[in-house]
C-alpha atoms as a PDB file:
ATOM      1  CA  MET A   1     -16.083 -39.226  43.184  1.00  0.00           C
ATOM      2  CA  THR A   2     -18.440 -39.177  46.156  1.00  0.00           C
ATOM      3  CA  GLU A   3     -22.056 -38.466  45.679  1.00  0.00           C
ATOM      4  CA  GLN A   4     -21.374 -35.253  47.906  1.00  0.00           C
ATOM      5  CA  PHE A   5     -18.718 -34.062  45.713  1.00  0.00           C
ATOM      6  CA  GLY A   6     -20.715 -34.632  42.566  1.00  0.00           C
ATOM      7  CA  ALA A   7     -23.792 -32.897  43.851  1.00  0.00           C
ATOM      8  CA  GLY A   8     -21.742 -29.898  44.919  1.00  0.00           C
ATOM      9  CA  ALA A   9     -19.715 -29.700  41.566  1.00  0.00           C
ATOM     10  CA  ALA A  10     -23.123 -29.927  39.609  1.00  0.00           C
ATOM     11  CA  ARG A  11     -24.555 -27.078  41.729  1.00  0.00           C
ATOM     12  CA  LEU A  12     -21.384 -24.992  41.240  1.00  0.00           C
ATOM     13  CA  SER A  13     -21.477 -25.699  37.522  1.00  0.00           C
ATOM     14  CA  GLY A  14     -25.058 -24.424  37.324  1.00  0.00           C
ATOM     15  CA  GLN A  15     -24.379 -21.335  39.358  1.00  0.00           C
ATOM     16  CA  ILE A  16     -21.400 -20.324  37.317  1.00  0.00           C
ATOM     17  CA  GLY A  17     -23.521 -20.747  34.132  1.00  0.00           C
ATOM     18  CA  LEU A  18     -25.990 -18.231  35.635  1.00  0.00           C
ATOM     19  CA  TRP A  19     -23.540 -15.825  36.960  1.00  0.00           C
ATOM     20  CA  LEU A  20     -20.767 -15.700  34.205  1.00  0.00           C
ATOM     21  CA  GLY A  21     -22.830 -17.239  31.259  1.00  0.00           C
ATOM     22  CA  TRP A  22     -20.406 -20.154  31.038  1.00  0.00           C
ATOM     23  CA  SER A  23     -21.541 -23.506  29.503  1.00  0.00           C
ATOM     24  CA  PRO A  24     -20.750 -26.646  31.608  1.00  0.00           C
ATOM     25  CA  GLU A  25     -17.936 -27.446  29.138  1.00  0.00           C
ATOM     26  CA  ARG A  26     -16.276 -24.041  29.853  1.00  0.00           C
ATOM     27  CA  PHE A  27     -16.732 -24.638  33.636  1.00  0.00           C
ATOM     28  CA  TRP A  28     -15.024 -28.036  33.399  1.00  0.00           C
ATOM     29  CA  GLN A  29     -12.287 -26.622  31.210  1.00  0.00           C
ATOM     30  CA  ALA A  30     -11.278 -23.925  33.610  1.00  0.00           C
ATOM     31  CA  THR A  31      -8.675 -24.371  36.151  1.00  0.00           C
ATOM     32  CA  PRO A  32      -9.572 -23.469  39.826  1.00  0.00           C
ATOM     33  CA  GLU A  33      -7.257 -20.608  39.462  1.00  0.00           C
ATOM     34  CA  GLU A  34      -9.050 -19.255  36.400  1.00  0.00           C
ATOM     35  CA  LEU A  35     -12.364 -19.690  38.234  1.00  0.00           C
ATOM     36  CA  ALA A  36     -10.993 -17.733  41.231  1.00  0.00           C
ATOM     37  CA  SER A  37      -9.667 -15.009  39.161  1.00  0.00           C
ATOM     38  CA  VAL A  38     -12.848 -14.392  37.447  1.00  0.00           C
ATOM     39  CA  LEU A  39     -14.945 -14.473  40.573  1.00  0.00           C
ATOM     40  CA  THR A  40     -12.460 -12.160  42.339  1.00  0.00           C
ATOM     41  CA  ALA A  41     -12.748  -9.665  39.514  1.00  0.00           C
ATOM     42  CA  ALA A  42     -16.448  -9.858  39.525  1.00  0.00           C
ATOM     43  CA  ALA A  43     -16.815  -9.238  43.370  1.00  0.00           C
ATOM     44  CA  PRO A  44     -16.586  -5.709  44.716  1.00  0.00           C
ATOM     45  CA  ALA A  45     -13.397  -5.216  46.676  1.00  0.00           C
ATOM     46  CA  ALA A  46     -13.665  -4.470  50.446  1.00  0.00           C
ATOM     47  CA  GLY A  47     -14.548  -0.999  50.984  1.00  0.00           C
ATOM     48  CA  ASP A  48     -16.117  -0.431  47.496  1.00  0.00           C
ATOM     49  CA  GLY A  49     -19.456   0.768  48.741  1.00  0.00           C
ATOM     50  CA  ILE A  50     -21.367   3.969  48.897  1.00  0.00           C
ATOM     51  CA  ASP A  51     -20.002   6.666  51.282  1.00  0.00           C
ATOM     52  CA  ARG A  52     -22.069   8.202  54.093  1.00  0.00           C
ATOM     53  CA  ARG A  53     -23.000  11.397  52.034  1.00  0.00           C
ATOM     54  CA  THR A  54     -24.346   9.333  49.221  1.00  0.00           C
ATOM     55  CA  LEU A  55     -26.353   7.139  51.519  1.00  0.00           C
ATOM     56  CA  ASN A  56     -27.735  10.175  53.296  1.00  0.00           C
ATOM     57  CA  ALA A  57     -28.681  11.671  50.035  1.00  0.00           C
ATOM     58  CA  LEU A  58     -30.497   8.507  48.840  1.00  0.00           C
ATOM     59  CA  MET A  59     -32.370   8.185  52.290  1.00  0.00           C
ATOM     60  CA  GLU A  60     -33.446  11.854  51.937  1.00  0.00           C
ATOM     61  CA  HIS A  61     -34.645  11.469  48.582  1.00  0.00           C
ATOM     62  CA  GLU A  62     -36.579   8.281  49.556  1.00  0.00           C
ATOM     63  CA  GLN A  63     -38.140  10.204  52.290  1.00  0.00           C
ATOM     64  CA  HIS A  64     -39.264  13.204  50.377  1.00  0.00           C
ATOM     65  CA  GLY A  65     -39.576  11.676  46.796  1.00  0.00           C
END
């Protein structure tokens, strides 16, 4: 294991702990496929945002309280 890999793995383990509540042990037990599946499910799909009408309504509300 190189120093660069080790540092990156430790950082990712900590981030997963924050994002998913996983312990370091759970992170290291997970396969790359499991990790990818969980992160994909947690991320919004492309196009899953607000529509223009909702954005306009929010901006109108912000301007006029």
